[in-house]
Every structure is written in C-alpha cells, then in structure tokens.
PDB file of all heavy atoms in Angstrom:
ATOM      1  N   ASP A   1       3.262  27.841 -19.849  1.00  0.00           N
ATOM      2  CA  ASP A   1       2.617  26.575 -19.514  1.00  0.00           C
ATOM      3  C   ASP A   1       1.712  26.718 -18.289  1.00  0.00           C
ATOM      4  O   ASP A   1       0.655  26.095 -18.198  1.00  0.00           O
ATOM      5  CB  ASP A   1       3.675  25.495 -19.247  1.00  0.00           C
ATOM      6  CG  ASP A   1       4.372  25.053 -20.526  1.00  0.00           C
ATOM      7  OD1 ASP A   1       3.799  25.245 -21.606  1.00  0.00           O
ATOM      8  OD2 ASP A   1       5.503  24.528 -20.435  1.00  0.00           O
ATOM      9  N   TRP A   2       2.133  27.547 -17.355  1.00  0.00           N
ATOM     10  CA  TRP A   2       1.343  27.795 -16.142  1.00  0.00           C
ATOM     11  C   TRP A   2       0.004  28.433 -16.513  1.00  0.00           C
ATOM     12  O   TRP A   2      -1.051  28.046 -15.994  1.00  0.00           O
ATOM     13  CB  TRP A   2       2.140  28.691 -15.207  1.00  0.00           C
ATOM     14  CG  TRP A   2       1.567  28.852 -13.830  1.00  0.00           C
ATOM     15  CD1 TRP A   2       0.773  29.860 -13.381  1.00  0.00           C
ATOM     16  CD2 TRP A   2       1.747  27.964 -12.719  1.00  0.00           C
ATOM     17  NE1 TRP A   2       0.453  29.670 -12.064  1.00  0.00           N
ATOM     18  CE2 TRP A   2       1.023  28.517 -11.622  1.00  0.00           C
ATOM     19  CE3 TRP A   2       2.440  26.776 -12.532  1.00  0.00           C
ATOM     20  CZ2 TRP A   2       0.995  27.911 -10.367  1.00  0.00           C
ATOM     21  CZ3 TRP A   2       2.412  26.169 -11.284  1.00  0.00           C
ATOM     22  CH2 TRP A   2       1.695  26.720 -10.222  1.00  0.00           C
ATOM     23  N   LEU A   3       0.036  29.400 -17.408  1.00  0.00           N
ATOM     24  CA  LEU A   3      -1.197  30.050 -17.845  1.00  0.00           C
ATOM     25  C   LEU A   3      -2.029  29.127 -18.728  1.00  0.00           C
ATOM     26  O   LEU A   3      -3.254  29.095 -18.630  1.00  0.00           O
ATOM     27  CB  LEU A   3      -0.866  31.339 -18.601  1.00  0.00           C
ATOM     28  CG  LEU A   3      -0.141  32.430 -17.807  1.00  0.00           C
ATOM     29  CD1 LEU A   3       0.238  33.589 -18.722  1.00  0.00           C
ATOM     30  CD2 LEU A   3      -0.993  32.917 -16.643  1.00  0.00           C
ATOM     31  N   PHE A   4      -1.378  28.368 -19.597  1.00  0.00           N
ATOM     32  CA  PHE A   4      -2.083  27.480 -20.514  1.00  0.00           C
ATOM     33  C   PHE A   4      -2.879  26.418 -19.756  1.00  0.00           C
ATOM     34  O   PHE A   4      -3.985  26.043 -20.158  1.00  0.00           O
ATOM     35  CB  PHE A   4      -1.079  26.800 -21.451  1.00  0.00           C
ATOM     36  CG  PHE A   4      -1.700  25.823 -22.409  1.00  0.00           C
ATOM     37  CD1 PHE A   4      -2.296  26.263 -23.581  1.00  0.00           C
ATOM     38  CD2 PHE A   4      -1.694  24.460 -22.133  1.00  0.00           C
ATOM     39  CE1 PHE A   4      -2.870  25.361 -24.466  1.00  0.00           C
ATOM     40  CE2 PHE A   4      -2.274  23.558 -23.008  1.00  0.00           C
ATOM     41  CZ  PHE A   4      -2.865  24.005 -24.176  1.00  0.00           C
ATOM     42  N   ASN A   5      -2.328  25.936 -18.643  1.00  0.00           N
ATOM     43  CA  ASN A   5      -2.993  24.909 -17.848  1.00  0.00           C
ATOM     44  C   ASN A   5      -3.932  25.476 -16.790  1.00  0.00           C
ATOM     45  O   ASN A   5      -4.372  24.748 -15.902  1.00  0.00           O
ATOM     46  CB  ASN A   5      -1.941  24.017 -17.171  1.00  0.00           C
ATOM     47  CG  ASN A   5      -1.273  23.073 -18.138  1.00  0.00           C
ATOM     48  OD1 ASN A   5      -1.833  22.047 -18.516  1.00  0.00           O
ATOM     49  ND2 ASN A   5      -0.058  23.407 -18.566  1.00  0.00           N
ATOM     50  N   ASP A   6      -4.238  26.770 -16.866  1.00  0.00           N
ATOM     51  CA  ASP A   6      -5.179  27.428 -15.961  1.00  0.00           C
ATOM     52  C   ASP A   6      -4.754  27.259 -14.504  1.00  0.00           C
ATOM     53  O   ASP A   6      -5.583  27.073 -13.613  1.00  0.00           O
ATOM     54  CB  ASP A   6      -6.598  26.859 -16.177  1.00  0.00           C
ATOM     55  CG  ASP A   6      -7.677  27.794 -15.636  1.00  0.00           C
ATOM     56  OD1 ASP A   6      -7.363  28.983 -15.421  1.00  0.00           O
ATOM     57  OD2 ASP A   6      -8.807  27.329 -15.409  1.00  0.00           O
ATOM     58  N   CYS A   7      -3.441  27.325 -14.284  1.00  0.00           N
ATOM     59  CA  CYS A   7      -2.922  27.117 -12.932  1.00  0.00           C
ATOM     60  C   CYS A   7      -3.287  28.243 -11.975  1.00  0.00           C
ATOM     61  O   CYS A   7      -3.343  28.035 -10.763  1.00  0.00           O
ATOM     62  CB  CYS A   7      -1.408  26.945 -12.975  1.00  0.00           C
ATOM     63  SG  CYS A   7      -0.854  25.505 -13.922  1.00  0.00           S
ATOM     64  N   GLU A   8      -3.526  29.431 -12.493  1.00  0.00           N
ATOM     65  CA  GLU A   8      -3.907  30.550 -11.628  1.00  0.00           C
ATOM     66  C   GLU A   8      -5.209  30.253 -10.888  1.00  0.00           C
ATOM     67  O   GLU A   8      -5.400  30.665  -9.751  1.00  0.00           O
ATOM     68  CB  GLU A   8      -4.079  31.820 -12.485  1.00  0.00           C
ATOM     69  CG  GLU A   8      -2.823  32.261 -13.203  1.00  0.00           C
ATOM     70  CD  GLU A   8      -2.008  33.240 -12.395  1.00  0.00           C
ATOM     71  OE1 GLU A   8      -2.624  34.107 -11.753  1.00  0.00           O
ATOM     72  OE2 GLU A   8      -0.778  33.126 -12.392  1.00  0.00           O
ATOM     73  N   ARG A   9      -6.101  29.501 -11.540  1.00  0.00           N
ATOM     74  CA  ARG A   9      -7.398  29.175 -10.946  1.00  0.00           C
ATOM     75  C   ARG A   9      -7.370  27.836 -10.212  1.00  0.00           C
ATOM     76  O   ARG A   9      -8.029  27.676  -9.180  1.00  0.00           O
ATOM     77  CB  ARG A   9      -8.473  29.139 -12.032  1.00  0.00           C
ATOM     78  CG  ARG A   9      -9.887  28.927 -11.517  1.00  0.00           C
ATOM     79  CD  ARG A   9     -10.889  29.049 -12.647  1.00  0.00           C
ATOM     80  NE  ARG A   9     -10.675  28.014 -13.658  1.00  0.00           N
ATOM     81  CZ  ARG A   9     -11.218  26.795 -13.602  1.00  0.00           C
ATOM     82  NH1 ARG A   9     -12.002  26.465 -12.584  1.00  0.00           N
ATOM     83  NH2 ARG A   9     -11.002  25.923 -14.554  1.00  0.00           N
ATOM     84  N   MET A  10      -6.575  26.898 -10.694  1.00  0.00           N
ATOM     85  CA  MET A  10      -6.589  25.538 -10.155  1.00  0.00           C
ATOM     86  C   MET A  10      -5.475  25.276  -9.151  1.00  0.00           C
ATOM     87  O   MET A  10      -5.347  24.167  -8.647  1.00  0.00           O
ATOM     88  CB  MET A  10      -6.463  24.534 -11.309  1.00  0.00           C
ATOM     89  CG  MET A  10      -7.541  24.653 -12.375  1.00  0.00           C
ATOM     90  SD  MET A  10      -9.195  24.279 -11.742  1.00  0.00           S
ATOM     91  CE  MET A  10      -8.997  22.530 -11.382  1.00  0.00           C
ATOM     92  N   GLU A  11      -4.653  26.273  -8.838  1.00  0.00           N
ATOM     93  CA  GLU A  11      -3.481  26.049  -7.997  1.00  0.00           C
ATOM     94  C   GLU A  11      -3.856  25.535  -6.610  1.00  0.00           C
ATOM     95  O   GLU A  11      -4.876  25.899  -6.023  1.00  0.00           O
ATOM     96  CB  GLU A  11      -2.672  27.339  -7.875  1.00  0.00           C
ATOM     97  CG  GLU A  11      -3.431  28.482  -7.223  1.00  0.00           C
ATOM     98  CD  GLU A  11      -2.684  29.799  -7.294  1.00  0.00           C
ATOM     99  OE1 GLU A  11      -1.849  29.972  -8.199  1.00  0.00           O
ATOM    100  OE2 GLU A  11      -2.951  30.658  -6.434  1.00  0.00           O
ATOM    101  N   VAL A  12      -3.008  24.651  -6.079  1.00  0.00           N
ATOM    102  CA  VAL A  12      -3.179  24.056  -4.758  1.00  0.00           C
ATOM    103  C   VAL A  12      -2.139  24.663  -3.829  1.00  0.00           C
ATOM    104  O   VAL A  12      -0.946  24.683  -4.149  1.00  0.00           O
ATOM    105  CB  VAL A  12      -3.001  22.526  -4.814  1.00  0.00           C
ATOM    106  CG1 VAL A  12      -3.085  21.916  -3.423  1.00  0.00           C
ATOM    107  CG2 VAL A  12      -4.047  21.912  -5.735  1.00  0.00           C
ATOM    108  N   VAL A  13      -2.580  25.173  -2.665  1.00  0.00           N
ATOM    109  CA  VAL A  13      -1.669  25.845  -1.738  1.00  0.00           C
ATOM    110  C   VAL A  13      -1.721  25.267  -0.331  1.00  0.00           C
ATOM    111  O   VAL A  13      -0.904  25.639   0.507  1.00  0.00           O
ATOM    112  CB  VAL A  13      -1.977  27.363  -1.683  1.00  0.00           C
ATOM    113  CG1 VAL A  13      -1.703  28.020  -3.027  1.00  0.00           C
ATOM    114  CG2 VAL A  13      -3.417  27.620  -1.253  1.00  0.00           C
ATOM    115  N   MET A  14      -2.658  24.339  -0.065  1.00  0.00           N
ATOM    116  CA  MET A  14      -2.806  23.774   1.275  1.00  0.00           C
ATOM    117  C   MET A  14      -2.624  22.259   1.229  1.00  0.00           C
ATOM    118  O   MET A  14      -3.048  21.607   0.271  1.00  0.00           O
ATOM    119  CB  MET A  14      -4.196  24.100   1.833  1.00  0.00           C
ATOM    120  CG  MET A  14      -4.478  25.599   1.954  1.00  0.00           C
ATOM    121  SD  MET A  14      -3.446  26.391   3.213  1.00  0.00           S
ATOM    122  CE  MET A  14      -4.161  25.660   4.694  1.00  0.00           C
ATOM    123  N   PRO A  15      -1.982  21.672   2.269  1.00  0.00           N
ATOM    124  CA  PRO A  15      -1.804  20.215   2.305  1.00  0.00           C
ATOM    125  C   PRO A  15      -3.123  19.451   2.205  1.00  0.00           C
ATOM    126  O   PRO A  15      -3.174  18.376   1.598  1.00  0.00           O
ATOM    127  CB  PRO A  15      -1.123  19.980   3.657  1.00  0.00           C
ATOM    128  CG  PRO A  15      -0.433  21.269   3.968  1.00  0.00           C
ATOM    129  CD  PRO A  15      -1.313  22.338   3.402  1.00  0.00           C
ATOM    130  N   LEU A  16      -4.201  19.988   2.799  1.00  0.00           N
ATOM    131  CA  LEU A  16      -5.497  19.315   2.747  1.00  0.00           C
ATOM    132  C   LEU A  16      -5.985  19.200   1.308  1.00  0.00           C
ATOM    133  O   LEU A  16      -6.583  18.201   0.919  1.00  0.00           O
ATOM    134  CB  LEU A  16      -6.516  20.090   3.595  1.00  0.00           C
ATOM    135  CG  LEU A  16      -7.926  19.468   3.695  1.00  0.00           C
ATOM    136  CD1 LEU A  16      -7.836  18.080   4.325  1.00  0.00           C
ATOM    137  CD2 LEU A  16      -8.854  20.360   4.503  1.00  0.00           C
ATOM    138  N   GLN A  17      -5.691  20.196   0.505  1.00  0.00           N
ATOM    139  CA  GLN A  17      -6.083  20.148  -0.905  1.00  0.00           C
ATOM    140  C   GLN A  17      -5.317  19.056  -1.642  1.00  0.00           C
ATOM    141  O   GLN A  17      -5.848  18.436  -2.565  1.00  0.00           O
ATOM    142  CB  GLN A  17      -5.822  21.518  -1.563  1.00  0.00           C
ATOM    143  CG  GLN A  17      -6.717  22.633  -1.054  1.00  0.00           C
ATOM    144  CD  GLN A  17      -6.341  23.974  -1.658  1.00  0.00           C
ATOM    145  OE1 GLN A  17      -5.263  24.513  -1.397  1.00  0.00           O
ATOM    146  NE2 GLN A  17      -7.222  24.514  -2.485  1.00  0.00           N
ATOM    147  N   CYS A  18      -4.080  18.821  -1.227  1.00  0.00           N
ATOM    148  CA  CYS A  18      -3.296  17.738  -1.842  1.00  0.00           C
ATOM    149  C   CYS A  18      -3.942  16.390  -1.548  1.00  0.00           C
ATOM    150  O   CYS A  18      -3.998  15.507  -2.413  1.00  0.00           O
ATOM    151  CB  CYS A  18      -1.863  17.747  -1.317  1.00  0.00           C
ATOM    152  SG  CYS A  18      -0.882  19.145  -1.895  1.00  0.00           S
ATOM    153  N   ASP A  19      -4.413  16.214  -0.309  1.00  0.00           N
ATOM    154  CA  ASP A  19      -5.082  14.957   0.056  1.00  0.00           C
ATOM    155  C   ASP A  19      -6.342  14.750  -0.772  1.00  0.00           C
ATOM    156  O   ASP A  19      -6.622  13.640  -1.244  1.00  0.00           O
ATOM    157  CB  ASP A  19      -5.425  14.965   1.547  1.00  0.00           C
ATOM    158  CG  ASP A  19      -4.185  15.023   2.433  1.00  0.00           C
ATOM    159  OD1 ASP A  19      -3.106  14.626   1.942  1.00  0.00           O
ATOM    160  OD2 ASP A  19      -4.295  15.467   3.588  1.00  0.00           O
ATOM    161  N   GLU A  20      -7.104  15.831  -0.953  1.00  0.00           N
ATOM    162  CA  GLU A  20      -8.322  15.731  -1.767  1.00  0.00           C
ATOM    163  C   GLU A  20      -7.981  15.412  -3.221  1.00  0.00           C
ATOM    164  O   GLU A  20      -8.670  14.616  -3.870  1.00  0.00           O
ATOM    165  CB  GLU A  20      -9.095  17.053  -1.692  1.00  0.00           C
ATOM    166  CG  GLU A  20      -9.639  17.372  -0.305  1.00  0.00           C
ATOM    167  CD  GLU A  20     -10.276  18.745  -0.241  1.00  0.00           C
ATOM    168  OE1 GLU A  20     -10.182  19.478  -1.251  1.00  0.00           O
ATOM    169  OE2 GLU A  20     -10.861  19.088   0.810  1.00  0.00           O
ATOM    170  N   LEU A  21      -6.899  16.001  -3.702  1.00  0.00           N
ATOM    171  CA  LEU A  21      -6.473  15.739  -5.078  1.00  0.00           C
ATOM    172  C   LEU A  21      -6.054  14.286  -5.251  1.00  0.00           C
ATOM    173  O   LEU A  21      -6.384  13.647  -6.244  1.00  0.00           O
ATOM    174  CB  LEU A  21      -5.313  16.675  -5.432  1.00  0.00           C
ATOM    175  CG  LEU A  21      -4.804  16.630  -6.870  1.00  0.00           C
ATOM    176  CD1 LEU A  21      -5.899  17.085  -7.835  1.00  0.00           C
ATOM    177  CD2 LEU A  21      -3.572  17.502  -7.030  1.00  0.00           C
ATOM    178  N   THR A  22      -5.347  13.754  -4.251  1.00  0.00           N
ATOM    179  CA  THR A  22      -4.928  12.349  -4.302  1.00  0.00           C
ATOM    180  C   THR A  22      -6.135  11.430  -4.267  1.00  0.00           C
ATOM    181  O   THR A  22      -6.197  10.429  -4.999  1.00  0.00           O
ATOM    182  CB  THR A  22      -3.996  12.038  -3.121  1.00  0.00           C
ATOM    183  OG1 THR A  22      -2.875  12.918  -3.161  1.00  0.00           O
ATOM    184  CG2 THR A  22      -3.512  10.602  -3.174  1.00  0.00           C
ATOM    185  N   ALA A  23      -7.118  11.755  -3.415  1.00  0.00           N
ATOM    186  CA  ALA A  23      -8.329  10.927  -3.322  1.00  0.00           C
ATOM    187  C   ALA A  23      -9.093  10.928  -4.642  1.00  0.00           C
ATOM    188  O   ALA A  23      -9.581   9.884  -5.089  1.00  0.00           O
ATOM    189  CB  ALA A  23      -9.218  11.449  -2.192  1.00  0.00           C
ATOM    190  N   GLN A  24      -9.197  12.084  -5.271  1.00  0.00           N
ATOM    191  CA  GLN A  24      -9.878  12.163  -6.562  1.00  0.00           C
ATOM    192  C   GLN A  24      -9.160  11.345  -7.619  1.00  0.00           C
ATOM    193  O   GLN A  24      -9.783  10.690  -8.457  1.00  0.00           O
ATOM    194  CB  GLN A  24      -9.973  13.628  -7.005  1.00  0.00           C
ATOM    195  CG  GLN A  24     -10.906  14.472  -6.151  1.00  0.00           C
ATOM    196  CD  GLN A  24     -10.874  15.935  -6.550  1.00  0.00           C
ATOM    197  OE1 GLN A  24     -10.200  16.313  -7.509  1.00  0.00           O
ATOM    198  NE2 GLN A  24     -11.596  16.767  -5.807  1.00  0.00           N
ATOM    199  N   THR A  25      -7.843  11.357  -7.566  1.00  0.00           N
ATOM    200  CA  THR A  25      -7.055  10.594  -8.540  1.00  0.00           C
ATOM    201  C   THR A  25      -7.277   9.102  -8.362  1.00  0.00           C
ATOM    202  O   THR A  25      -7.389   8.348  -9.331  1.00  0.00           O
ATOM    203  CB  THR A  25      -5.567  10.926  -8.388  1.00  0.00           C
ATOM    204  OG1 THR A  25      -5.378  12.336  -8.552  1.00  0.00           O
ATOM    205  CG2 THR A  25      -4.736  10.193  -9.431  1.00  0.00           C
ATOM    206  N   GLU A  26      -7.347   8.662  -7.083  1.00  0.00           N
ATOM    207  CA  GLU A  26      -7.563   7.240  -6.819  1.00  0.00           C
ATOM    208  C   GLU A  26      -8.971   6.801  -7.208  1.00  0.00           C
ATOM    209  O   GLU A  26      -9.173   5.672  -7.661  1.00  0.00           O
ATOM    210  CB  GLU A  26      -7.316   6.968  -5.329  1.00  0.00           C
ATOM    211  CG  GLU A  26      -5.856   7.143  -4.915  1.00  0.00           C
ATOM    212  CD  GLU A  26      -5.673   6.987  -3.421  1.00  0.00           C
ATOM    213  OE1 GLU A  26      -6.714   6.921  -2.710  1.00  0.00           O
ATOM    214  OE2 GLU A  26      -4.519   6.943  -2.962  1.00  0.00           O
ATOM    215  N   GLN A  27      -9.954   7.684  -7.052  1.00  0.00           N
ATOM    216  CA  GLN A  27     -11.336   7.334  -7.389  1.00  0.00           C
ATOM    217  C   GLN A  27     -11.579   7.350  -8.895  1.00  0.00           C
ATOM    218  O   GLN A  27     -12.372   6.574  -9.414  1.00  0.00           O
ATOM    219  CB  GLN A  27     -12.307   8.320  -6.703  1.00  0.00           C
ATOM    220  CG  GLN A  27     -12.353   8.165  -5.195  1.00  0.00           C
ATOM    221  CD  GLN A  27     -13.257   9.205  -4.553  1.00  0.00           C
ATOM    222  OE1 GLN A  27     -13.907   9.985  -5.250  1.00  0.00           O
ATOM    223  NE2 GLN A  27     -13.310   9.213  -3.218  1.00  0.00           N
ATOM    224  N   HIS A  28     -10.883   8.242  -9.605  1.00  0.00           N
ATOM    225  CA  HIS A  28     -11.090   8.370 -11.048  1.00  0.00           C
ATOM    226  C   HIS A  28      -9.749   8.291 -11.772  1.00  0.00           C
ATOM    227  O   HIS A  28      -9.283   9.277 -12.347  1.00  0.00           O
ATOM    228  CB  HIS A  28     -11.781   9.706 -11.370  1.00  0.00           C
ATOM    229  CG  HIS A  28     -13.061   9.913 -10.616  1.00  0.00           C
ATOM    230  ND1 HIS A  28     -14.228   9.276 -10.930  1.00  0.00           N
ATOM    231  CD2 HIS A  28     -13.333  10.702  -9.534  1.00  0.00           C
ATOM    232  CE1 HIS A  28     -15.194   9.654 -10.088  1.00  0.00           C
ATOM    233  NE2 HIS A  28     -14.669  10.523  -9.226  1.00  0.00           N
TER     234      HIS A  28
END
C-alpha cells in the first residue's frame, strides 16, 4: 500500500510540511 500510494515520493517528514498539508486540505 505504501508503494501503491507513491509514499516514497510524497512522504512528509517535517512538522512544517504537516502544516502545509493541513492548509491545502482546508483550501481544497
């Protein structure tokens, strides 16, 4: 499932990236 969802390329490792992900979710 990790490979199927392209997690190797899309993985988030920094808290700042989580904030950006949350903002994108709220906007779209």
